[in-house]
Amino acid sequence: MSENPTKQPATDGTEKIQAEESFTDRLTTSAGNLAEKAGDAWEKVSDKAEDTWEKLEDKAEELWDKAKNSELYADAKDKLEDLKDGAQKLWDKVVDRFDGNDEEKPKQA
């Protein structure tokens, strides 16, 4: 009984090879599509990250400038207070020199 009991056509292996090649082609195409989509997504994420980084740098620089200005203001205020104290001491010395003299005392500005 040489009949084919499953009633499937006899193959010489070519159909199997063609099916494997077709499967491989679909896999390669799918992998290529996935790689392209991944590349596109990476580019979008990279662009967004770059924009965010630039905004962060700008904000950090702005805050740094404010902090420096605040420190400079505090330093200037301290120096002004020192100058006021020095001027007051100098004024007091001038007034002390005129004490006891009949000359007119200078007026404080």
PDB file of N, CA and C in Angstrom:
ATOM      1  N   MET A   1       0.813  -1.153   0.000  1.00  0.00           N
ATOM      2  CA  MET A   1       0.000   0.000   0.000  1.00  0.00           C
ATOM      3  C   MET A   1       0.875   1.240   0.000  1.00  0.00           C
ATOM      4  N   SER A   2       1.038   1.659  -1.113  1.00  0.00           N
ATOM      5  CA  SER A   2       1.876   2.822  -1.295  1.00  0.00           C
ATOM      6  C   SER A   2       1.064   4.089  -1.399  1.00  0.00           C
ATOM      7  N   GLU A   3      -0.181   4.000  -1.100  1.00  0.00           N
ATOM      8  CA  GLU A   3      -1.027   5.192  -1.142  1.00  0.00           C
ATOM      9  C   GLU A   3      -0.700   6.118   0.030  1.00  0.00           C
ATOM     10  N   ASN A   4      -1.000   7.369  -0.158  1.00  0.00           N
ATOM     11  CA  ASN A   4      -0.779   8.377   0.881  1.00  0.00           C
ATOM     12  C   ASN A   4      -2.029   8.432   1.750  1.00  0.00           C
ATOM     13  N   PRO A   5      -1.970   7.913   2.983  1.00  0.00           N
ATOM     14  CA  PRO A   5      -3.181   7.826   3.782  1.00  0.00           C
ATOM     15  C   PRO A   5      -3.694   9.192   4.256  1.00  0.00           C
ATOM     16  N   THR A   6      -2.876  10.220   4.404  1.00  0.00           N
ATOM     17  CA  THR A   6      -3.337  11.541   4.872  1.00  0.00           C
ATOM     18  C   THR A   6      -3.806  12.399   3.719  1.00  0.00           C
ATOM     19  N   LYS A   7      -3.636  11.952   2.555  1.00  0.00           N
ATOM     20  CA  LYS A   7      -4.054  12.634   1.329  1.00  0.00           C
ATOM     21  C   LYS A   7      -3.370  14.000   1.192  1.00  0.00           C
ATOM     22  N   GLN A   8      -2.163  14.107   1.699  1.00  0.00           N
ATOM     23  CA  GLN A   8      -1.379  15.322   1.522  1.00  0.00           C
ATOM     24  C   GLN A   8      -0.444  15.100   0.360  1.00  0.00           C
ATOM     25  N   PRO A   9      -0.190  16.165  -0.388  1.00  0.00           N
ATOM     26  CA  PRO A   9       0.709  15.999  -1.530  1.00  0.00           C
ATOM     27  C   PRO A   9       2.123  15.706  -1.040  1.00  0.00           C
ATOM     28  N   ALA A  10       2.783  14.906  -1.756  1.00  0.00           N
ATOM     29  CA  ALA A  10       4.164  14.563  -1.407  1.00  0.00           C
ATOM     30  C   ALA A  10       5.044  15.770  -1.682  1.00  0.00           C
ATOM     31  N   THR A  11       5.989  16.037  -0.795  1.00  0.00           N
ATOM     32  CA  THR A  11       6.870  17.183  -0.992  1.00  0.00           C
ATOM     33  C   THR A  11       8.295  16.694  -1.043  1.00  0.00           C
ATOM     34  N   ASP A  12       9.092  17.504  -1.693  1.00  0.00           N
ATOM     35  CA  ASP A  12      10.510  17.164  -1.771  1.00  0.00           C
ATOM     36  C   ASP A  12      11.333  18.064  -0.841  1.00  0.00           C
ATOM     37  N   GLY A  13      10.670  18.843   0.073  1.00  0.00           N
ATOM     38  CA  GLY A  13      11.359  19.709   1.012  1.00  0.00           C
ATOM     39  C   GLY A  13      11.387  21.167   0.572  1.00  0.00           C
ATOM     40  N   THR A  14      11.039  21.422  -0.695  1.00  0.00           N
ATOM     41  CA  THR A  14      11.068  22.792  -1.190  1.00  0.00           C
ATOM     42  C   THR A  14      10.002  23.645  -0.522  1.00  0.00           C
ATOM     43  N   GLU A  15       8.848  23.091  -0.311  1.00  0.00           N
ATOM     44  CA  GLU A  15       7.780  23.858   0.324  1.00  0.00           C
ATOM     45  C   GLU A  15       8.178  24.239   1.760  1.00  0.00           C
ATOM     46  N   LYS A  16       8.815  23.314   2.424  1.00  0.00           N
ATOM     47  CA  LYS A  16       9.246  23.576   3.790  1.00  0.00           C
ATOM     48  C   LYS A  16      10.298  24.695   3.803  1.00  0.00           C
ATOM     49  N   ILE A  17      11.212  24.644   2.884  1.00  0.00           N
ATOM     50  CA  ILE A  17      12.259  25.676   2.784  1.00  0.00           C
ATOM     51  C   ILE A  17      11.634  27.027   2.453  1.00  0.00           C
ATOM     52  N   GLN A  18      10.678  27.033   1.517  1.00  0.00           N
ATOM     53  CA  GLN A  18      10.012  28.273   1.148  1.00  0.00           C
ATOM     54  C   GLN A  18       9.241  28.854   2.343  1.00  0.00           C
ATOM     55  N   ALA A  19       8.601  27.993   3.109  1.00  0.00           N
ATOM     56  CA  ALA A  19       7.858  28.451   4.287  1.00  0.00           C
ATOM     57  C   ALA A  19       8.820  29.051   5.311  1.00  0.00           C
ATOM     58  N   GLU A  20       9.958  28.420   5.508  1.00  0.00           N
ATOM     59  CA  GLU A  20      10.940  28.941   6.451  1.00  0.00           C
ATOM     60  C   GLU A  20      11.501  30.281   5.977  1.00  0.00           C
ATOM     61  N   GLU A  21      11.743  30.387   4.661  1.00  0.00           N
ATOM     62  CA  GLU A  21      12.247  31.651   4.112  1.00  0.00           C
ATOM     63  C   GLU A  21      11.217  32.762   4.264  1.00  0.00           C
ATOM     64  N   SER A  22       9.953  32.414   4.043  1.00  0.00           N
ATOM     65  CA  SER A  22       8.885  33.394   4.196  1.00  0.00           C
ATOM     66  C   SER A  22       8.790  33.862   5.652  1.00  0.00           C
ATOM     67  N   PHE A  23       8.867  32.913   6.559  1.00  0.00           N
ATOM     68  CA  PHE A  23       8.834  33.243   7.992  1.00  0.00           C
ATOM     69  C   PHE A  23      10.017  34.128   8.362  1.00  0.00           C
ATOM     70  N   THR A  24      11.197  33.782   7.861  1.00  0.00           N
ATOM     71  CA  THR A  24      12.407  34.568   8.132  1.00  0.00           C
ATOM     72  C   THR A  24      12.263  35.986   7.577  1.00  0.00           C
ATOM     73  N   ASP A  25      11.712  36.104   6.383  1.00  0.00           N
ATOM     74  CA  ASP A  25      11.491  37.424   5.780  1.00  0.00           C
ATOM     75  C   ASP A  25      10.537  38.265   6.632  1.00  0.00           C
ATOM     76  N   ARG A  26       9.460  37.654   7.104  1.00  0.00           N
ATOM     77  CA  ARG A  26       8.499  38.384   7.951  1.00  0.00           C
ATOM     78  C   ARG A  26       9.150  38.801   9.266  1.00  0.00           C
ATOM     79  N   LEU A  27       9.955  37.905   9.834  1.00  0.00           N
ATOM     80  CA  LEU A  27      10.663  38.232  11.070  1.00  0.00           C
ATOM     81  C   LEU A  27      11.630  39.390  10.857  1.00  0.00           C
ATOM     82  N   THR A  28      12.362  39.344   9.766  1.00  0.00           N
ATOM     83  CA  THR A  28      13.330  40.400   9.451  1.00  0.00           C
ATOM     84  C   THR A  28      12.615  41.732   9.253  1.00  0.00           C
ATOM     85  N   THR A  29      11.502  41.698   8.533  1.00  0.00           N
ATOM     86  CA  THR A  29      10.719  42.910   8.307  1.00  0.00           C
ATOM     87  C   THR A  29      10.182  43.451   9.628  1.00  0.00           C
ATOM     88  N   SER A  30       9.651  42.578  10.468  1.00  0.00           N
ATOM     89  CA  SER A  30       9.129  42.997  11.768  1.00  0.00           C
ATOM     90  C   SER A  30      10.238  43.574  12.635  1.00  0.00           C
ATOM     91  N   ALA A  31      11.387  42.941  12.639  1.00  0.00           N
ATOM     92  CA  ALA A  31      12.520  43.429  13.426  1.00  0.00           C
ATOM     93  C   ALA A  31      12.960  44.798  12.910  1.00  0.00           C
ATOM     94  N   GLY A  32      12.975  44.950  11.599  1.00  0.00           N
ATOM     95  CA  GLY A  32      13.335  46.249  11.010  1.00  0.00           C
ATOM     96  C   GLY A  32      12.344  47.324  11.399  1.00  0.00           C
ATOM     97  N   ASN A  33      11.053  46.982  11.354  1.00  0.00           N
ATOM     98  CA  ASN A  33      10.025  47.945  11.748  1.00  0.00           C
ATOM     99  C   ASN A  33      10.161  48.317  13.226  1.00  0.00           C
ATOM    100  N   LEU A  34      10.414  47.325  14.064  1.00  0.00           N
ATOM    101  CA  LEU A  34      10.593  47.595  15.487  1.00  0.00           C
ATOM    102  C   LEU A  34      11.818  48.467  15.733  1.00  0.00           C
ATOM    103  N   ALA A  35      12.887  48.178  15.034  1.00  0.00           N
ATOM    104  CA  ALA A  35      14.112  48.973  15.189  1.00  0.00           C
ATOM    105  C   ALA A  35      13.863  50.419  14.749  1.00  0.00           C
ATOM    106  N   GLU A  36      13.130  50.592  13.662  1.00  0.00           N
ATOM    107  CA  GLU A  36      12.819  51.933  13.182  1.00  0.00           C
ATOM    108  C   GLU A  36      11.946  52.689  14.182  1.00  0.00           C
ATOM    109  N   LYS A  37      10.943  51.992  14.728  1.00  0.00           N
ATOM    110  CA  LYS A  37      10.073  52.617  15.727  1.00  0.00           C
ATOM    111  C   LYS A  37      10.865  52.968  16.986  1.00  0.00           C
ATOM    112  N   ALA A  38      11.744  52.079  17.384  1.00  0.00           N
ATOM    113  CA  ALA A  38      12.573  52.337  18.556  1.00  0.00           C
ATOM    114  C   ALA A  38      13.480  53.544  18.308  1.00  0.00           C
ATOM    115  N   GLY A  39      14.042  53.636  17.100  1.00  0.00           N
ATOM    116  CA  GLY A  39      14.879  54.781  16.749  1.00  0.00           C
ATOM    117  C   GLY A  39      14.094  56.081  16.783  1.00  0.00           C
ATOM    118  N   ASP A  40      12.869  56.046  16.254  1.00  0.00           N
ATOM    119  CA  ASP A  40      12.017  57.238  16.272  1.00  0.00           C
ATOM    120  C   ASP A  40      11.676  57.644  17.706  1.00  0.00           C
ATOM    121  N   ALA A  41      11.343  56.656  18.517  1.00  0.00           N
ATOM    122  CA  ALA A  41      11.007  56.940  19.918  1.00  0.00           C
ATOM    123  C   ALA A  41      12.225  57.508  20.644  1.00  0.00           C
ATOM    124  N   TRP A  42      13.390  56.922  20.392  1.00  0.00           N
ATOM    125  CA  TRP A  42      14.619  57.409  21.032  1.00  0.00           C
ATOM    126  C   TRP A  42      14.889  58.858  20.638  1.00  0.00           C
ATOM    127  N   GLU A  43      14.687  59.166  19.368  1.00  0.00           N
ATOM    128  CA  GLU A  43      14.921  60.530  18.890  1.00  0.00           C
ATOM    129  C   GLU A  43      13.978  61.521  19.585  1.00  0.00           C
ATOM    130  N   LYS A  44      12.706  61.133  19.724  1.00  0.00           N
ATOM    131  CA  LYS A  44      11.745  62.009  20.398  1.00  0.00           C
ATOM    132  C   LYS A  44      12.128  62.202  21.861  1.00  0.00           C
ATOM    133  N   VAL A  45      12.472  61.111  22.524  1.00  0.00           N
ATOM    134  CA  VAL A  45      12.860  61.197  23.935  1.00  0.00           C
ATOM    135  C   VAL A  45      14.129  62.028  24.078  1.00  0.00           C
ATOM    136  N   SER A  46      15.060  61.823  23.183  1.00  0.00           N
ATOM    137  CA  SER A  46      16.322  62.562  23.224  1.00  0.00           C
ATOM    138  C   SER A  46      16.079  64.058  23.026  1.00  0.00           C
ATOM    139  N   ASP A  47      15.243  64.409  22.064  1.00  0.00           N
ATOM    140  CA  ASP A  47      14.918  65.817  21.821  1.00  0.00           C
ATOM    141  C   ASP A  47      14.239  66.436  23.035  1.00  0.00           C
ATOM    142  N   LYS A  48      13.299  65.707  23.612  1.00  0.00           N
ATOM    143  CA  LYS A  48      12.577  66.194  24.788  1.00  0.00           C
ATOM    144  C   LYS A  48      13.549  66.366  25.958  1.00  0.00           C
ATOM    145  N   ALA A  49      14.443  65.414  26.130  1.00  0.00           N
ATOM    146  CA  ALA A  49      15.423  65.493  27.219  1.00  0.00           C
ATOM    147  C   ALA A  49      16.348  66.697  27.018  1.00  0.00           C
ATOM    148  N   GLU A  50      16.754  66.932  25.783  1.00  0.00           N
ATOM    149  CA  GLU A  50      17.629  68.068  25.492  1.00  0.00           C
ATOM    150  C   GLU A  50      16.919  69.390  25.801  1.00  0.00           C
ATOM    151  N   ASP A  51      15.653  69.497  25.387  1.00  0.00           N
ATOM    152  CA  ASP A  51      14.879  70.709  25.672  1.00  0.00           C
ATOM    153  C   ASP A  51      14.737  70.918  27.180  1.00  0.00           C
ATOM    154  N   THR A  52      14.435  69.836  27.881  1.00  0.00           N
ATOM    155  CA  THR A  52      14.269  69.914  29.333  1.00  0.00           C
ATOM    156  C   THR A  52      15.575  70.308  29.996  1.00  0.00           C
ATOM    157  N   TRP A  53      16.682  69.744  29.528  1.00  0.00           N
ATOM    158  CA  TRP A  53      17.998  70.062  30.093  1.00  0.00           C
ATOM    159  C   TRP A  53      18.318  71.544  29.900  1.00  0.00           C
ATOM    160  N   GLU A  54      18.042  72.069  28.702  1.00  0.00           N
ATOM    161  CA  GLU A  54      18.304  73.483  28.431  1.00  0.00           C
ATOM    162  C   GLU A  54      17.473  74.383  29.340  1.00  0.00           C
ATOM    163  N   LYS A  55      16.196  74.020  29.538  1.00  0.00           N
ATOM    164  CA  LYS A  55      15.343  74.806  30.433  1.00  0.00           C
ATOM    165  C   LYS A  55      15.877  74.741  31.860  1.00  0.00           C
ATOM    166  N   LEU A  56      16.325  73.563  32.264  1.00  0.00           N
ATOM    167  CA  LEU A  56      16.871  73.385  33.601  1.00  0.00           C
ATOM    168  C   LEU A  56      18.141  74.214  33.790  1.00  0.00           C
ATOM    169  N   GLU A  57      19.005  74.210  32.776  1.00  0.00           N
ATOM    170  CA  GLU A  57      20.229  75.025  32.850  1.00  0.00           C
ATOM    171  C   GLU A  57      19.891  76.508  32.972  1.00  0.00           C
ATOM    172  N   ASP A  58      18.920  76.963  32.168  1.00  0.00           N
ATOM    173  CA  ASP A  58      18.524  78.371  32.216  1.00  0.00           C
ATOM    174  C   ASP A  58      17.974  78.736  33.591  1.00  0.00           C
ATOM    175  N   LYS A  59      17.130  77.883  34.140  1.00  0.00           N
ATOM    176  CA  LYS A  59      16.544  78.140  35.448  1.00  0.00           C
ATOM    177  C   LYS A  59      17.625  78.136  36.526  1.00  0.00           C
ATOM    178  N   ALA A  60      18.551  77.190  36.439  1.00  0.00           N
ATOM    179  CA  ALA A  60      19.640  77.118  37.419  1.00  0.00           C
ATOM    180  C   ALA A  60      20.501  78.377  37.356  1.00  0.00           C
ATOM    181  N   GLU A  61      20.783  78.844  36.150  1.00  0.00           N
ATOM    182  CA  GLU A  61      21.582  80.061  35.992  1.00  0.00           C
ATOM    183  C   GLU A  61      20.844  81.267  36.569  1.00  0.00           C
ATOM    184  N   GLU A  62      19.555  81.326  36.310  1.00  0.00           N
ATOM    185  CA  GLU A  62      18.739  82.426  36.844  1.00  0.00           C
ATOM    186  C   GLU A  62      18.746  82.405  38.378  1.00  0.00           C
ATOM    187  N   LEU A  63      18.573  81.229  38.950  1.00  0.00           N
ATOM    188  CA  LEU A  63      18.582  81.113  40.407  1.00  0.00           C
ATOM    189  C   LEU A  63      19.957  81.441  40.988  1.00  0.00           C
ATOM    190  N   TRP A  64      21.005  81.010  40.277  1.00  0.00           N
ATOM    191  CA  TRP A  64      22.360  81.316  40.728  1.00  0.00           C
ATOM    192  C   TRP A  64      22.596  82.829  40.734  1.00  0.00           C
ATOM    193  N   ASP A  65      22.141  83.509  39.669  1.00  0.00           N
ATOM    194  CA  ASP A  65      22.281  84.964  39.597  1.00  0.00           C
ATOM    195  C   ASP A  65      21.521  85.643  40.740  1.00  0.00           C
ATOM    196  N   LYS A  66      20.319  85.141  41.022  1.00  0.00           N
ATOM    197  CA  LYS A  66      19.544  85.715  42.120  1.00  0.00           C
ATOM    198  C   LYS A  66      20.271  85.513  43.444  1.00  0.00           C
ATOM    199  N   ALA A  67      20.825  84.327  43.620  1.00  0.00           N
ATOM    200  CA  ALA A  67      21.550  84.034  44.863  1.00  0.00           C
ATOM    201  C   ALA A  67      22.773  84.940  44.992  1.00  0.00           C
ATOM    202  N   LYS A  68      23.505  85.098  43.882  1.00  0.00           N
ATOM    203  CA  LYS A  68      24.676  85.978  43.917  1.00  0.00           C
ATOM    204  C   LYS A  68      24.254  87.406  44.227  1.00  0.00           C
ATOM    205  N   ASN A  69      23.177  87.871  43.590  1.00  0.00           N
ATOM    206  CA  ASN A  69      22.698  89.232  43.838  1.00  0.00           C
ATOM    207  C   ASN A  69      22.284  89.392  45.292  1.00  0.00           C
ATOM    208  N   SER A  70      21.652  88.376  45.832  1.00  0.00           N
ATOM    209  CA  SER A  70      21.229  88.418  47.227  1.00  0.00           C
ATOM    210  C   SER A  70      22.448  88.493  48.149  1.00  0.00           C
ATOM    211  N   GLU A  71      23.472  87.701  47.838  1.00  0.00           N
ATOM    212  CA  GLU A  71      24.706  87.736  48.625  1.00  0.00           C
ATOM    213  C   GLU A  71      25.389  89.091  48.494  1.00  0.00           C
ATOM    214  N   LEU A  72      25.425  89.610  47.276  1.00  0.00           N
ATOM    215  CA  LEU A  72      26.033  90.924  47.067  1.00  0.00           C
ATOM    216  C   LEU A  72      25.267  92.001  47.830  1.00  0.00           C
ATOM    217  N   TYR A  73      23.953  91.895  47.832  1.00  0.00           N
ATOM    218  CA  TYR A  73      23.137  92.850  48.567  1.00  0.00           C
ATOM    219  C   TYR A  73      23.463  92.777  50.058  1.00  0.00           C
ATOM    220  N   ALA A  74      23.543  91.565  50.582  1.00  0.00           N
ATOM    221  CA  ALA A  74      23.857  91.396  52.007  1.00  0.00           C
ATOM    222  C   ALA A  74      25.251  91.955  52.317  1.00  0.00           C
ATOM    223  N   ASP A  75      26.220  91.670  51.436  1.00  0.00           N
ATOM    224  CA  ASP A  75      27.576  92.204  51.627  1.00  0.00           C
ATOM    225  C   ASP A  75      27.579  93.727  51.572  1.00  0.00           C
ATOM    226  N   ALA A  76      26.870  94.287  50.600  1.00  0.00           N
ATOM    227  CA  ALA A  76      26.812  95.752  50.459  1.00  0.00           C
ATOM    228  C   ALA A  76      26.147  96.376  51.684  1.00  0.00           C
ATOM    229  N   LYS A  77      25.097  95.723  52.174  1.00  0.00           N
ATOM    230  CA  LYS A  77      24.403  96.243  53.356  1.00  0.00           C
ATOM    231  C   LYS A  77      25.344  96.231  54.567  1.00  0.00           C
ATOM    232  N   ASP A  78      26.103  95.130  54.722  1.00  0.00           N
ATOM    233  CA  ASP A  78      27.066  95.045  55.827  1.00  0.00           C
ATOM    234  C   ASP A  78      28.132  96.135  55.707  1.00  0.00           C
ATOM    235  N   LYS A  79      28.636  96.337  54.506  1.00  0.00           N
ATOM    236  CA  LYS A  79      29.662  97.364  54.298  1.00  0.00           C
ATOM    237  C   LYS A  79      29.097  98.752  54.563  1.00  0.00           C
ATOM    238  N   LEU A  80      27.870  98.977  54.156  1.00  0.00           N
ATOM    239  CA  LEU A  80      27.231 100.269  54.411  1.00  0.00           C
ATOM    240  C   LEU A  80      27.093 100.502  55.914  1.00  0.00           C
ATOM    241  N   GLU A  81      26.682  99.474  56.628  1.00  0.00           N
ATOM    242  CA  GLU A  81      26.585  99.605  58.092  1.00  0.00           C
ATOM    243  C   GLU A  81      27.946  99.904  58.696  1.00  0.00           C
ATOM    244  N   ASP A  82      28.992  99.237  58.203  1.00  0.00           N
ATOM    245  CA  ASP A  82      30.357  99.507  58.687  1.00  0.00           C
ATOM    246  C   ASP A  82      30.751 100.955  58.411  1.00  0.00           C
ATOM    247  N   LEU A  83      30.432 101.419  57.187  1.00  0.00           N
ATOM    248  CA  LEU A  83      30.744 102.809  56.836  1.00  0.00           C
ATOM    249  C   LEU A  83      29.986 103.788  57.735  1.00  0.00           C
ATOM    250  N   LYS A  84      28.716 103.484  58.010  1.00  0.00           N
ATOM    251  CA  LYS A  84      27.928 104.349  58.887  1.00  0.00           C
ATOM    252  C   LYS A  84      28.557 104.403  60.282  1.00  0.00           C
ATOM    253  N   ASP A  85      28.950 103.225  60.782  1.00  0.00           N
ATOM    254  CA  ASP A  85      29.590 103.172  62.103  1.00  0.00           C
ATOM    255  C   ASP A  85      30.889 103.972  62.099  1.00  0.00           C
ATOM    256  N   GLY A  86      31.686 103.781  61.054  1.00  0.00           N
ATOM    257  CA  GLY A  86      32.952 104.521  60.939  1.00  0.00           C
ATOM    258  C   GLY A  86      32.724 106.021  60.868  1.00  0.00           C
ATOM    259  N   ALA A  87      31.718 106.416  60.088  1.00  0.00           N
ATOM    260  CA  ALA A  87      31.402 107.847  59.948  1.00  0.00           C
ATOM    261  C   ALA A  87      30.929 108.417  61.279  1.00  0.00           C
ATOM    262  N   GLN A  88      30.127 107.638  62.004  1.00  0.00           N
ATOM    263  CA  GLN A  88      29.639 108.102  63.302  1.00  0.00           C
ATOM    264  C   GLN A  88      30.798 108.264  64.279  1.00  0.00           C
ATOM    265  N   LYS A  89      31.736 107.315  64.289  1.00  0.00           N
ATOM    266  CA  LYS A  89      32.906 107.404  65.169  1.00  0.00           C
ATOM    267  C   LYS A  89      33.751 108.621  64.815  1.00  0.00           C
ATOM    268  N   LEU A  90      33.940 108.843  63.522  1.00  0.00           N
ATOM    269  CA  LEU A  90      34.697 110.003  63.076  1.00  0.00           C
ATOM    270  C   LEU A  90      33.992 111.292  63.497  1.00  0.00           C
ATOM    271  N   TRP A  91      32.697 111.341  63.332  1.00  0.00           N
ATOM    272  CA  TRP A  91      31.913 112.510  63.730  1.00  0.00           C
ATOM    273  C   TRP A  91      32.051 112.751  65.228  1.00  0.00           C
ATOM    274  N   ASP A  92      31.955 111.669  65.993  1.00  0.00           N
ATOM    275  CA  ASP A  92      32.093 111.804  67.449  1.00  0.00           C
ATOM    276  C   ASP A  92      33.470 112.358  67.817  1.00  0.00           C
ATOM    277  N   LYS A  93      34.508 111.932  67.123  1.00  0.00           N
ATOM    278  CA  LYS A  93      35.865 112.448  67.389  1.00  0.00           C
ATOM    279  C   LYS A  93      35.922 113.944  67.088  1.00  0.00           C
ATOM    280  N   VAL A  94      35.326 114.343  65.975  1.00  0.00           N
ATOM    281  CA  VAL A  94      35.318 115.760  65.598  1.00  0.00           C
ATOM    282  C   VAL A  94      34.578 116.563  66.653  1.00  0.00           C
ATOM    283  N   VAL A  95      33.446 116.079  67.097  1.00  0.00           N
ATOM    284  CA  VAL A  95      32.650 116.783  68.097  1.00  0.00           C
ATOM    285  C   VAL A  95      33.425 116.852  69.406  1.00  0.00           C
ATOM    286  N   ASP A  96      34.099 115.773  69.785  1.00  0.00           N
ATOM    287  CA  ASP A  96      34.887 115.755  71.022  1.00  0.00           C
ATOM    288  C   ASP A  96      35.995 116.809  70.968  1.00  0.00           C
ATOM    289  N   ARG A  97      36.602 117.023  69.836  1.00  0.00           N
ATOM    290  CA  ARG A  97      37.678 118.016  69.706  1.00  0.00           C
ATOM    291  C   ARG A  97      37.157 119.421  69.928  1.00  0.00           C
ATOM    292  N   PHE A  98      35.912 119.628  69.491  1.00  0.00           N
ATOM    293  CA  PHE A  98      35.348 120.967  69.637  1.00  0.00           C
ATOM    294  C   PHE A  98      34.757 121.180  71.014  1.00  0.00           C
ATOM    295  N   ASP A  99      34.603 120.126  71.780  1.00  0.00           N
ATOM    296  CA  ASP A  99      34.102 120.301  73.156  1.00  0.00           C
ATOM    297  C   ASP A  99      35.132 121.088  73.956  1.00  0.00           C
ATOM    298  N   GLY A 100      34.659 122.018  74.744  1.00  0.00           N
ATOM    299  CA  GLY A 100      35.550 122.808  75.564  1.00  0.00           C
ATOM    300  C   GLY A 100      36.077 124.027  74.845  1.00  0.00           C
ATOM    301  N   ASN A 101      36.007 124.072  73.524  1.00  0.00           N
ATOM    302  CA  ASN A 101      36.429 125.254  72.779  1.00  0.00           C
ATOM    303  C   ASN A 101      35.216 126.154  72.623  1.00  0.00           C
ATOM    304  N   ASP A 102      35.428 127.431  72.467  1.00  0.00           N
ATOM    305  CA  ASP A 102      34.330 128.370  72.276  1.00  0.00           C
ATOM    306  C   ASP A 102      33.897 128.428  70.826  1.00  0.00           C
ATOM    307  N   GLU A 103      34.602 127.687  70.004  1.00  0.00           N
ATOM    308  CA  GLU A 103      34.240 127.713  68.589  1.00  0.00           C
ATOM    309  C   GLU A 103      32.933 126.942  68.377  1.00  0.00           C
ATOM    310  N   GLU A 104      32.311 127.272  67.292  1.00  0.00           N
ATOM    311  CA  GLU A 104      31.044 126.640  66.971  1.00  0.00           C
ATOM    312  C   GLU A 104      31.273 125.170  66.623  1.00  0.00           C
ATOM    313  N   LYS A 105      30.399 124.328  67.137  1.00  0.00           N
ATOM    314  CA  LYS A 105      30.485 122.890  66.840  1.00  0.00           C
ATOM    315  C   LYS A 105      29.950 122.659  65.430  1.00  0.00           C
ATOM    316  N   PRO A 106      30.566 121.754  64.697  1.00  0.00           N
ATOM    317  CA  PRO A 106      30.019 121.451  63.362  1.00  0.00           C
ATOM    318  C   PRO A 106      28.663 120.774  63.500  1.00  0.00           C
ATOM    319  N   LYS A 107      27.837 120.996  62.531  1.00  0.00           N
ATOM    320  CA  LYS A 107      26.503 120.396  62.544  1.00  0.00           C
ATOM    321  C   LYS A 107      26.562 119.023  61.879  1.00  0.00           C
ATOM    322  N   GLN A 108      25.871 118.078  62.481  1.00  0.00           N
ATOM    323  CA  GLN A 108      25.855 116.728  61.921  1.00  0.00           C
ATOM    324  C   GLN A 108      24.992 116.719  60.679  1.00  0.00           C
ATOM    325  N   ALA A 109      25.488 116.100  59.644  1.00  0.00           N
ATOM    326  CA  ALA A 109      24.774 116.075  58.383  1.00  0.00           C
ATOM    327  C   ALA A 109      23.689 115.045  58.392  1.00  0.00           C
TER     328      ALA A 109
END
